[in-house]
Amino acid sequence: MKKILLNSFAMAFLATTTQINAATPIYGGTINFTGNAVNAACAVSAKSSNQTIDMGQVRLAELDGAVNKLSSAKTAFTIILDQCDTNVASQVGVLFTGSVANANQEILAAGMGATSTAATGIGIHITDPNGDAVKFDGSANSNFTLIGVTNVLTYFAQFISTAATVTDGNTNATMTFSVTYT
């Protein structure tokens, strides 16, 4: 009788502790997956598709006094093409678009979307891997030969004066890019 009673208490205790230790699921959030399937010679790496390039700060004294003065510091950024098949295409062209400064297709307007005071008299000048200025009109800049499965195109960004007087403030800018294959 004692064994039956003891076993009954043990079973009741185990059933109770199991219910107490059962975890209640708590909603943690949503995860969205984005991407595209493309019929192209290469795929743009996820590392390249949405980038933020920190240009740092430039002293006004470095750019003041003349139009088209370039900052001494260059900031590199890359566009990486993966899974390339040179049997499909042998060349890649990169097309850039963005708001330009003073109707100059080679200077990206700075101070765009500023939540604080925008700098004036300043833009961003970008050169391609050949050292040629990038145009922001959506036309193909230089074509580059695809070499192997992964291709890394390195570009350089510099601040440039667009007026003889530059004022301080936010220098944010946005551009988009597309690729074409031949």
N, C-alpha and C. Protein backbone atom coordinates (compact mmCIF):
# COMPACT_ATOMS: atom_id res chain seq x y z
N MET A 1 0.82 -1.18 0.00
CA MET A 1 0.00 0.00 0.00
C MET A 1 0.87 1.26 0.00
N LYS A 2 1.95 1.24 0.85
CA LYS A 2 2.84 2.38 0.90
C LYS A 2 3.51 2.60 -0.45
N LYS A 3 3.88 1.49 -1.15
CA LYS A 3 4.53 1.61 -2.45
C LYS A 3 3.58 2.23 -3.48
N ILE A 4 2.33 1.82 -3.46
CA ILE A 4 1.36 2.35 -4.41
C ILE A 4 1.14 3.84 -4.15
N LEU A 5 1.00 4.20 -2.88
CA LEU A 5 0.80 5.59 -2.51
C LEU A 5 2.02 6.44 -2.88
N LEU A 6 3.22 5.92 -2.61
CA LEU A 6 4.46 6.62 -2.93
C LEU A 6 4.60 6.80 -4.44
N ASN A 7 4.27 5.76 -5.20
CA ASN A 7 4.33 5.85 -6.66
C ASN A 7 3.32 6.86 -7.19
N SER A 8 2.15 6.93 -6.59
CA SER A 8 1.12 7.89 -7.01
C SER A 8 1.59 9.32 -6.79
N PHE A 9 2.21 9.57 -5.61
CA PHE A 9 2.74 10.91 -5.33
C PHE A 9 3.88 11.26 -6.29
N ALA A 10 4.73 10.30 -6.60
CA ALA A 10 5.85 10.54 -7.52
C ALA A 10 5.33 10.89 -8.91
N MET A 11 4.32 10.17 -9.37
CA MET A 11 3.75 10.44 -10.69
C MET A 11 3.08 11.82 -10.72
N ALA A 12 2.36 12.17 -9.68
CA ALA A 12 1.70 13.47 -9.61
C ALA A 12 2.74 14.59 -9.59
N PHE A 13 3.84 14.38 -8.85
CA PHE A 13 4.91 15.38 -8.78
C PHE A 13 5.57 15.58 -10.14
N LEU A 14 5.87 14.48 -10.85
CA LEU A 14 6.49 14.56 -12.17
C LEU A 14 5.58 15.25 -13.17
N ALA A 15 4.30 14.96 -13.11
CA ALA A 15 3.35 15.59 -14.03
C ALA A 15 3.28 17.09 -13.77
N THR A 16 3.32 17.49 -12.52
CA THR A 16 3.25 18.91 -12.17
C THR A 16 4.53 19.64 -12.59
N THR A 17 5.70 19.07 -12.33
CA THR A 17 6.95 19.74 -12.68
C THR A 17 7.14 19.80 -14.19
N THR A 18 6.65 18.83 -14.92
CA THR A 18 6.74 18.86 -16.37
C THR A 18 5.93 20.02 -16.92
N GLN A 19 4.75 20.24 -16.36
CA GLN A 19 3.91 21.34 -16.80
C GLN A 19 4.52 22.69 -16.43
N ILE A 20 5.16 22.78 -15.28
CA ILE A 20 5.77 24.02 -14.85
C ILE A 20 6.96 24.38 -15.75
N ASN A 21 7.75 23.38 -16.16
CA ASN A 21 8.95 23.62 -16.96
C ASN A 21 8.67 23.76 -18.45
N ALA A 22 7.45 23.53 -18.91
CA ALA A 22 7.15 23.65 -20.33
C ALA A 22 7.28 25.12 -20.74
N ALA A 23 8.10 25.38 -21.78
CA ALA A 23 8.35 26.75 -22.22
C ALA A 23 7.18 27.27 -23.04
N THR A 24 6.82 28.51 -22.78
CA THR A 24 5.78 29.17 -23.55
C THR A 24 6.46 29.94 -24.68
N PRO A 25 6.09 29.67 -25.94
CA PRO A 25 6.71 30.40 -27.05
C PRO A 25 6.37 31.89 -26.98
N ILE A 26 7.37 32.71 -27.19
CA ILE A 26 7.19 34.16 -27.21
C ILE A 26 7.59 34.64 -28.59
N TYR A 27 6.72 35.42 -29.23
CA TYR A 27 6.97 35.93 -30.57
C TYR A 27 8.29 36.70 -30.60
N GLY A 28 9.16 36.37 -31.55
CA GLY A 28 10.48 36.99 -31.61
C GLY A 28 10.67 37.95 -32.76
N GLY A 29 9.83 37.94 -33.76
CA GLY A 29 9.99 38.87 -34.86
C GLY A 29 9.81 38.19 -36.20
N THR A 30 10.09 38.95 -37.25
CA THR A 30 9.94 38.48 -38.62
C THR A 30 11.28 38.59 -39.32
N ILE A 31 11.60 37.62 -40.14
CA ILE A 31 12.81 37.66 -40.95
C ILE A 31 12.37 37.66 -42.41
N ASN A 32 12.76 38.70 -43.15
CA ASN A 32 12.43 38.79 -44.57
C ASN A 32 13.65 38.43 -45.39
N PHE A 33 13.45 37.71 -46.45
CA PHE A 33 14.52 37.34 -47.36
C PHE A 33 14.27 38.07 -48.68
N THR A 34 15.31 38.71 -49.20
CA THR A 34 15.18 39.41 -50.47
C THR A 34 16.24 38.92 -51.43
N GLY A 35 16.04 39.14 -52.68
CA GLY A 35 17.00 38.74 -53.69
C GLY A 35 16.33 38.68 -55.04
N ASN A 36 17.09 38.30 -56.04
CA ASN A 36 16.58 38.19 -57.40
C ASN A 36 17.25 37.02 -58.09
N ALA A 37 16.51 36.35 -58.94
CA ALA A 37 17.09 35.37 -59.85
C ALA A 37 17.34 36.12 -61.15
N VAL A 38 18.57 36.04 -61.67
CA VAL A 38 18.91 36.82 -62.86
C VAL A 38 19.44 35.92 -63.96
N ASN A 39 19.12 36.27 -65.18
CA ASN A 39 19.64 35.58 -66.35
C ASN A 39 20.77 36.45 -66.89
N ALA A 40 21.96 36.33 -66.28
CA ALA A 40 23.08 37.21 -66.62
C ALA A 40 24.38 36.44 -66.50
N ALA A 41 25.45 37.07 -66.94
CA ALA A 41 26.77 36.44 -66.89
C ALA A 41 27.29 36.32 -65.46
N CYS A 42 26.88 37.22 -64.57
CA CYS A 42 27.33 37.21 -63.17
C CYS A 42 26.16 37.57 -62.26
N ALA A 43 26.36 37.35 -60.98
CA ALA A 43 25.42 37.81 -59.96
C ALA A 43 26.12 38.87 -59.13
N VAL A 44 25.44 39.98 -58.86
CA VAL A 44 26.01 41.01 -57.99
C VAL A 44 26.00 40.46 -56.57
N SER A 45 27.15 40.49 -55.92
CA SER A 45 27.28 39.98 -54.56
C SER A 45 26.37 40.75 -53.60
N ALA A 46 25.81 40.05 -52.63
CA ALA A 46 24.99 40.70 -51.61
C ALA A 46 25.79 41.75 -50.84
N LYS A 47 27.12 41.58 -50.78
CA LYS A 47 27.98 42.55 -50.10
C LYS A 47 28.01 43.88 -50.85
N SER A 48 27.67 43.86 -52.13
CA SER A 48 27.75 45.07 -52.96
C SER A 48 26.42 45.76 -53.18
N SER A 49 25.31 45.04 -53.02
CA SER A 49 24.03 45.59 -53.47
C SER A 49 23.54 46.78 -52.67
N ASN A 50 23.76 46.83 -51.39
CA ASN A 50 23.34 47.97 -50.57
C ASN A 50 24.48 48.32 -49.62
N GLN A 51 25.25 49.32 -49.98
CA GLN A 51 26.43 49.68 -49.19
C GLN A 51 26.27 51.07 -48.58
N THR A 52 26.97 51.28 -47.49
CA THR A 52 27.14 52.61 -46.92
C THR A 52 28.63 52.87 -46.85
N ILE A 53 29.08 53.89 -47.54
CA ILE A 53 30.50 54.22 -47.60
C ILE A 53 30.75 55.42 -46.69
N ASP A 54 31.58 55.25 -45.68
CA ASP A 54 31.90 56.34 -44.75
C ASP A 54 33.04 57.17 -45.33
N MET A 55 32.72 58.35 -45.78
CA MET A 55 33.71 59.26 -46.37
C MET A 55 34.50 60.02 -45.30
N GLY A 56 34.04 59.96 -44.08
CA GLY A 56 34.73 60.69 -43.02
C GLY A 56 34.50 62.19 -43.13
N GLN A 57 35.44 62.94 -42.59
CA GLN A 57 35.33 64.40 -42.60
C GLN A 57 36.41 64.99 -43.50
N VAL A 58 36.11 66.14 -44.06
CA VAL A 58 37.08 66.91 -44.83
C VAL A 58 37.06 68.34 -44.29
N ARG A 59 38.22 68.92 -44.12
CA ARG A 59 38.32 70.31 -43.65
C ARG A 59 37.92 71.26 -44.77
N LEU A 60 37.15 72.27 -44.45
CA LEU A 60 36.72 73.26 -45.45
C LEU A 60 37.92 73.91 -46.11
N ALA A 61 38.99 74.15 -45.35
CA ALA A 61 40.19 74.81 -45.88
C ALA A 61 40.81 74.02 -47.03
N GLU A 62 40.62 72.70 -47.04
CA GLU A 62 41.19 71.88 -48.11
C GLU A 62 40.48 72.12 -49.45
N LEU A 63 39.20 72.48 -49.40
CA LEU A 63 38.42 72.63 -50.63
C LEU A 63 38.09 74.08 -50.99
N ASP A 64 38.17 74.98 -50.02
CA ASP A 64 37.81 76.39 -50.26
C ASP A 64 38.74 77.05 -51.27
N GLY A 65 38.21 78.05 -51.99
CA GLY A 65 39.04 78.90 -52.82
C GLY A 65 38.92 78.68 -54.31
N ALA A 66 38.47 77.53 -54.74
CA ALA A 66 38.35 77.27 -56.19
C ALA A 66 37.35 76.15 -56.43
N VAL A 67 36.80 76.15 -57.63
CA VAL A 67 35.88 75.09 -58.04
C VAL A 67 36.70 73.89 -58.53
N ASN A 68 36.19 72.70 -58.30
CA ASN A 68 36.79 71.43 -58.75
C ASN A 68 38.08 71.05 -58.02
N LYS A 69 38.25 71.52 -56.78
CA LYS A 69 39.38 71.07 -55.96
C LYS A 69 38.99 69.73 -55.34
N LEU A 70 39.84 68.73 -55.49
CA LEU A 70 39.59 67.41 -54.92
C LEU A 70 40.23 67.29 -53.55
N SER A 71 39.55 66.59 -52.64
CA SER A 71 40.15 66.31 -51.34
C SER A 71 41.33 65.36 -51.53
N SER A 72 42.28 65.42 -50.63
CA SER A 72 43.44 64.54 -50.75
C SER A 72 43.09 63.09 -50.43
N ALA A 73 42.13 62.89 -49.55
CA ALA A 73 41.76 61.52 -49.15
C ALA A 73 40.82 60.90 -50.18
N LYS A 74 41.12 59.65 -50.53
CA LYS A 74 40.25 58.86 -51.40
C LYS A 74 39.68 57.72 -50.57
N THR A 75 38.40 57.43 -50.77
CA THR A 75 37.75 56.33 -50.07
C THR A 75 37.40 55.26 -51.09
N ALA A 76 37.96 54.07 -50.91
CA ALA A 76 37.71 52.96 -51.84
C ALA A 76 36.41 52.24 -51.48
N PHE A 77 35.71 51.78 -52.50
CA PHE A 77 34.58 50.87 -52.32
C PHE A 77 34.56 49.92 -53.51
N THR A 78 33.91 48.79 -53.33
CA THR A 78 33.95 47.76 -54.38
C THR A 78 32.56 47.34 -54.81
N ILE A 79 32.49 46.88 -56.05
CA ILE A 79 31.33 46.17 -56.56
C ILE A 79 31.85 44.79 -56.91
N ILE A 80 31.27 43.79 -56.25
CA ILE A 80 31.74 42.41 -56.42
C ILE A 80 30.73 41.64 -57.27
N LEU A 81 31.23 41.00 -58.31
CA LEU A 81 30.41 40.16 -59.18
C LEU A 81 30.83 38.71 -58.94
N ASP A 82 29.86 37.88 -58.58
CA ASP A 82 30.12 36.46 -58.27
C ASP A 82 29.52 35.55 -59.32
N GLN A 83 29.92 34.30 -59.29
CA GLN A 83 29.37 33.24 -60.14
C GLN A 83 29.44 33.61 -61.62
N CYS A 84 30.50 34.30 -62.01
CA CYS A 84 30.61 34.76 -63.40
C CYS A 84 30.90 33.61 -64.35
N ASP A 85 30.26 33.65 -65.50
CA ASP A 85 30.47 32.67 -66.56
C ASP A 85 30.92 33.44 -67.80
N THR A 86 32.21 33.36 -68.11
CA THR A 86 32.76 34.12 -69.24
C THR A 86 32.34 33.53 -70.58
N ASN A 87 31.66 32.38 -70.57
CA ASN A 87 31.08 31.85 -71.81
C ASN A 87 29.79 32.59 -72.17
N VAL A 88 29.16 33.21 -71.18
CA VAL A 88 27.93 33.97 -71.40
C VAL A 88 28.26 35.39 -71.87
N ALA A 89 29.25 36.02 -71.22
CA ALA A 89 29.69 37.37 -71.60
C ALA A 89 31.14 37.54 -71.15
N SER A 90 31.86 38.39 -71.85
CA SER A 90 33.27 38.60 -71.50
C SER A 90 33.53 39.99 -70.92
N GLN A 91 32.56 40.90 -71.03
CA GLN A 91 32.73 42.28 -70.56
C GLN A 91 31.57 42.68 -69.66
N VAL A 92 31.86 43.56 -68.71
CA VAL A 92 30.82 44.13 -67.86
C VAL A 92 30.95 45.65 -67.90
N GLY A 93 29.81 46.31 -67.97
CA GLY A 93 29.76 47.76 -67.86
C GLY A 93 28.92 48.11 -66.64
N VAL A 94 29.29 49.16 -65.94
CA VAL A 94 28.55 49.59 -64.76
C VAL A 94 27.96 50.97 -65.05
N LEU A 95 26.65 51.10 -64.80
CA LEU A 95 25.92 52.34 -65.04
C LEU A 95 25.52 52.92 -63.69
N PHE A 96 25.77 54.21 -63.49
CA PHE A 96 25.43 54.87 -62.23
C PHE A 96 24.41 55.96 -62.49
N THR A 97 23.51 56.16 -61.52
CA THR A 97 22.57 57.27 -61.56
C THR A 97 22.54 57.93 -60.19
N GLY A 98 22.26 59.21 -60.17
CA GLY A 98 22.17 59.95 -58.92
C GLY A 98 21.97 61.42 -59.20
N SER A 99 21.62 62.17 -58.18
CA SER A 99 21.47 63.62 -58.32
C SER A 99 22.84 64.24 -58.47
N VAL A 100 22.98 65.08 -59.49
CA VAL A 100 24.28 65.68 -59.76
C VAL A 100 24.33 67.13 -59.27
N ALA A 101 25.55 67.61 -59.07
CA ALA A 101 25.77 68.98 -58.60
C ALA A 101 26.01 69.90 -59.79
N ASN A 102 25.31 71.01 -59.83
CA ASN A 102 25.51 72.05 -60.86
C ASN A 102 25.45 71.50 -62.28
N ALA A 103 24.59 70.53 -62.53
CA ALA A 103 24.41 69.91 -63.85
C ALA A 103 25.68 69.24 -64.38
N ASN A 104 26.65 68.99 -63.51
CA ASN A 104 27.88 68.31 -63.90
C ASN A 104 27.68 66.81 -63.69
N GLN A 105 27.60 66.05 -64.77
CA GLN A 105 27.31 64.61 -64.70
C GLN A 105 28.41 63.80 -64.02
N GLU A 106 29.54 64.43 -63.71
CA GLU A 106 30.64 63.72 -63.05
C GLU A 106 30.76 64.05 -61.56
N ILE A 107 29.80 64.81 -61.02
CA ILE A 107 29.83 65.15 -59.59
C ILE A 107 28.48 64.82 -58.96
N LEU A 108 28.51 63.92 -58.00
CA LEU A 108 27.32 63.52 -57.25
C LEU A 108 27.02 64.61 -56.22
N ALA A 109 25.79 65.09 -56.19
CA ALA A 109 25.40 66.14 -55.25
C ALA A 109 25.48 65.62 -53.82
N ALA A 110 26.07 66.41 -52.94
CA ALA A 110 26.18 66.05 -51.52
C ALA A 110 25.15 66.84 -50.73
N GLY A 111 24.84 66.35 -49.52
CA GLY A 111 23.88 67.01 -48.66
C GLY A 111 22.45 66.59 -48.94
N MET A 112 22.28 65.51 -49.70
CA MET A 112 20.95 65.03 -50.07
C MET A 112 20.30 64.31 -48.88
N GLY A 113 19.02 64.49 -48.71
CA GLY A 113 18.29 63.82 -47.65
C GLY A 113 18.77 64.19 -46.27
N ALA A 114 19.37 65.36 -46.15
CA ALA A 114 19.96 65.77 -44.89
C ALA A 114 18.88 66.01 -43.83
N THR A 115 19.08 65.41 -42.66
CA THR A 115 18.19 65.67 -41.54
C THR A 115 18.73 66.83 -40.71
N SER A 116 19.96 67.22 -41.01
CA SER A 116 20.56 68.39 -40.38
C SER A 116 20.97 69.34 -41.51
N THR A 117 21.68 70.35 -41.20
CA THR A 117 22.09 71.33 -42.21
C THR A 117 23.00 70.69 -43.25
N ALA A 118 22.69 70.90 -44.51
CA ALA A 118 23.48 70.33 -45.60
C ALA A 118 24.67 71.24 -45.91
N ALA A 119 25.80 70.62 -46.20
CA ALA A 119 26.96 71.37 -46.66
C ALA A 119 26.64 71.95 -48.04
N THR A 120 27.26 73.05 -48.39
CA THR A 120 27.08 73.62 -49.73
C THR A 120 28.44 73.78 -50.39
N GLY A 121 28.42 73.81 -51.73
CA GLY A 121 29.65 73.99 -52.48
C GLY A 121 30.52 72.75 -52.51
N ILE A 122 29.92 71.59 -52.25
CA ILE A 122 30.69 70.35 -52.18
C ILE A 122 29.90 69.21 -52.83
N GLY A 123 30.61 68.31 -53.46
CA GLY A 123 30.01 67.12 -54.05
C GLY A 123 30.95 65.94 -53.88
N ILE A 124 30.62 64.85 -54.55
CA ILE A 124 31.45 63.65 -54.49
C ILE A 124 31.83 63.26 -55.90
N HIS A 125 33.12 63.06 -56.10
CA HIS A 125 33.70 62.68 -57.39
C HIS A 125 34.14 61.22 -57.27
N ILE A 126 33.74 60.38 -58.23
CA ILE A 126 34.08 58.95 -58.18
C ILE A 126 34.83 58.57 -59.43
N THR A 127 35.90 57.79 -59.24
CA THR A 127 36.66 57.27 -60.38
C THR A 127 36.54 55.76 -60.41
N ASP A 128 36.56 55.21 -61.63
CA ASP A 128 36.43 53.77 -61.81
C ASP A 128 37.80 53.09 -61.69
N PRO A 129 37.85 51.76 -61.84
CA PRO A 129 39.14 51.06 -61.71
C PRO A 129 40.21 51.52 -62.69
N ASN A 130 39.82 52.17 -63.79
CA ASN A 130 40.80 52.70 -64.75
C ASN A 130 41.23 54.12 -64.40
N GLY A 131 40.62 54.71 -63.37
CA GLY A 131 40.93 56.09 -62.99
C GLY A 131 40.09 57.12 -63.72
N ASP A 132 39.12 56.66 -64.51
CA ASP A 132 38.23 57.57 -65.25
C ASP A 132 37.07 58.02 -64.37
N ALA A 133 36.64 59.27 -64.54
CA ALA A 133 35.52 59.80 -63.78
C ALA A 133 34.24 59.07 -64.16
N VAL A 134 33.45 58.74 -63.15
CA VAL A 134 32.15 58.10 -63.34
C VAL A 134 31.13 59.17 -63.67
N LYS A 135 30.25 58.88 -64.61
CA LYS A 135 29.13 59.77 -64.94
C LYS A 135 27.87 59.21 -64.27
N PHE A 136 27.01 60.10 -63.81
CA PHE A 136 25.80 59.70 -63.08
C PHE A 136 24.54 59.85 -63.92
N ASP A 137 24.68 59.72 -65.23
CA ASP A 137 23.54 59.89 -66.14
C ASP A 137 22.95 58.57 -66.61
N GLY A 138 23.40 57.46 -66.05
CA GLY A 138 22.87 56.16 -66.44
C GLY A 138 23.52 55.58 -67.68
N SER A 139 24.52 56.25 -68.22
CA SER A 139 25.23 55.70 -69.38
C SER A 139 26.33 54.76 -68.91
N ALA A 140 26.69 53.84 -69.78
CA ALA A 140 27.75 52.89 -69.43
C ALA A 140 29.07 53.62 -69.35
N ASN A 141 29.77 53.43 -68.25
CA ASN A 141 31.11 53.96 -68.12
C ASN A 141 32.03 52.94 -68.77
N SER A 142 33.24 52.86 -68.39
CA SER A 142 34.19 51.91 -68.99
C SER A 142 33.68 50.48 -68.87
N ASN A 143 33.99 49.67 -69.87
CA ASN A 143 33.73 48.23 -69.79
C ASN A 143 34.97 47.55 -69.24
N PHE A 144 34.74 46.49 -68.46
CA PHE A 144 35.84 45.75 -67.85
C PHE A 144 35.74 44.29 -68.27
N THR A 145 36.89 43.68 -68.50
CA THR A 145 36.93 42.27 -68.88
C THR A 145 36.66 41.40 -67.67
N LEU A 146 35.73 40.45 -67.82
CA LEU A 146 35.45 39.50 -66.75
C LEU A 146 36.59 38.48 -66.70
N ILE A 147 37.12 38.27 -65.50
CA ILE A 147 38.22 37.33 -65.32
C ILE A 147 37.82 36.36 -64.22
N GLY A 148 37.54 35.13 -64.57
CA GLY A 148 37.23 34.12 -63.57
C GLY A 148 35.83 34.24 -63.00
N VAL A 149 35.62 33.49 -61.92
CA VAL A 149 34.30 33.36 -61.30
C VAL A 149 33.93 34.60 -60.49
N THR A 150 34.90 35.21 -59.80
CA THR A 150 34.63 36.39 -58.98
C THR A 150 35.42 37.57 -59.53
N ASN A 151 34.74 38.69 -59.71
CA ASN A 151 35.37 39.91 -60.22
C ASN A 151 35.09 41.04 -59.24
N VAL A 152 36.15 41.73 -58.83
CA VAL A 152 36.04 42.83 -57.87
C VAL A 152 36.42 44.12 -58.58
N LEU A 153 35.46 45.03 -58.68
CA LEU A 153 35.69 46.33 -59.30
C LEU A 153 35.85 47.36 -58.19
N THR A 154 37.01 47.98 -58.10
CA THR A 154 37.30 48.94 -57.04
C THR A 154 37.17 50.36 -57.57
N TYR A 155 36.35 51.14 -56.90
CA TYR A 155 36.12 52.54 -57.23
C TYR A 155 36.66 53.41 -56.10
N PHE A 156 36.91 54.68 -56.41
CA PHE A 156 37.41 55.62 -55.40
C PHE A 156 36.53 56.86 -55.38
N ALA A 157 36.16 57.29 -54.17
CA ALA A 157 35.34 58.48 -53.98
C ALA A 157 36.16 59.56 -53.27
N GLN A 158 35.99 60.80 -53.72
CA GLN A 158 36.65 61.95 -53.10
C GLN A 158 35.65 63.09 -53.03
N PHE A 159 35.82 63.94 -52.02
CA PHE A 159 35.05 65.17 -51.99
C PHE A 159 35.63 66.10 -53.05
N ILE A 160 34.76 66.92 -53.64
CA ILE A 160 35.18 67.90 -54.63
C ILE A 160 34.40 69.19 -54.41
N SER A 161 35.08 70.32 -54.56
CA SER A 161 34.38 71.60 -54.41
C SER A 161 33.58 71.89 -55.68
N THR A 162 32.37 72.38 -55.48
CA THR A 162 31.52 72.75 -56.62
C THR A 162 31.31 74.26 -56.67
N ALA A 163 31.92 74.95 -55.72
CA ALA A 163 31.87 76.42 -55.65
C ALA A 163 33.16 76.89 -54.99
N ALA A 164 33.46 78.16 -55.12
CA ALA A 164 34.68 78.70 -54.52
C ALA A 164 34.61 78.72 -53.00
N THR A 165 33.39 78.75 -52.46
CA THR A 165 33.21 78.73 -51.01
C THR A 165 32.42 77.49 -50.63
N VAL A 166 32.95 76.74 -49.68
CA VAL A 166 32.30 75.52 -49.18
C VAL A 166 31.86 75.79 -47.75
N THR A 167 30.61 75.40 -47.42
CA THR A 167 30.13 75.55 -46.04
C THR A 167 30.02 74.17 -45.40
N ASP A 168 30.10 74.17 -44.09
CA ASP A 168 30.06 72.89 -43.37
C ASP A 168 28.65 72.34 -43.28
N GLY A 169 28.57 71.05 -43.04
CA GLY A 169 27.28 70.38 -42.88
C GLY A 169 27.32 68.96 -43.39
N ASN A 170 26.15 68.39 -43.51
CA ASN A 170 25.96 67.01 -43.94
C ASN A 170 26.36 66.86 -45.41
N THR A 171 27.13 65.80 -45.72
CA THR A 171 27.56 65.56 -47.11
C THR A 171 27.03 64.24 -47.65
N ASN A 172 25.91 63.76 -47.13
CA ASN A 172 25.35 62.49 -47.60
C ASN A 172 24.95 62.57 -49.07
N ALA A 173 25.09 61.47 -49.76
CA ALA A 173 24.70 61.38 -51.17
C ALA A 173 24.27 59.94 -51.45
N THR A 174 23.44 59.77 -52.46
CA THR A 174 22.97 58.44 -52.83
C THR A 174 23.09 58.26 -54.33
N MET A 175 23.57 57.10 -54.73
CA MET A 175 23.60 56.75 -56.15
C MET A 175 23.14 55.30 -56.27
N THR A 176 22.69 54.94 -57.45
CA THR A 176 22.34 53.55 -57.72
C THR A 176 23.22 53.07 -58.86
N PHE A 177 23.35 51.75 -58.96
CA PHE A 177 24.13 51.21 -60.07
C PHE A 177 23.43 50.01 -60.68
N SER A 178 23.70 49.80 -61.95
CA SER A 178 23.22 48.64 -62.70
C SER A 178 24.41 48.10 -63.47
N VAL A 179 24.32 46.86 -63.90
CA VAL A 179 25.40 46.27 -64.69
C VAL A 179 24.85 45.78 -66.02
N THR A 180 25.69 45.86 -67.04
CA THR A 180 25.36 45.31 -68.36
C THR A 180 26.50 44.40 -68.78
N TYR A 181 26.16 43.38 -69.54
CA TYR A 181 27.17 42.42 -69.98
C TYR A 181 27.18 42.33 -71.49
N THR A 182 28.39 42.20 -72.07
CA THR A 182 28.53 42.00 -73.51
C THR A 182 29.53 40.90 -73.78
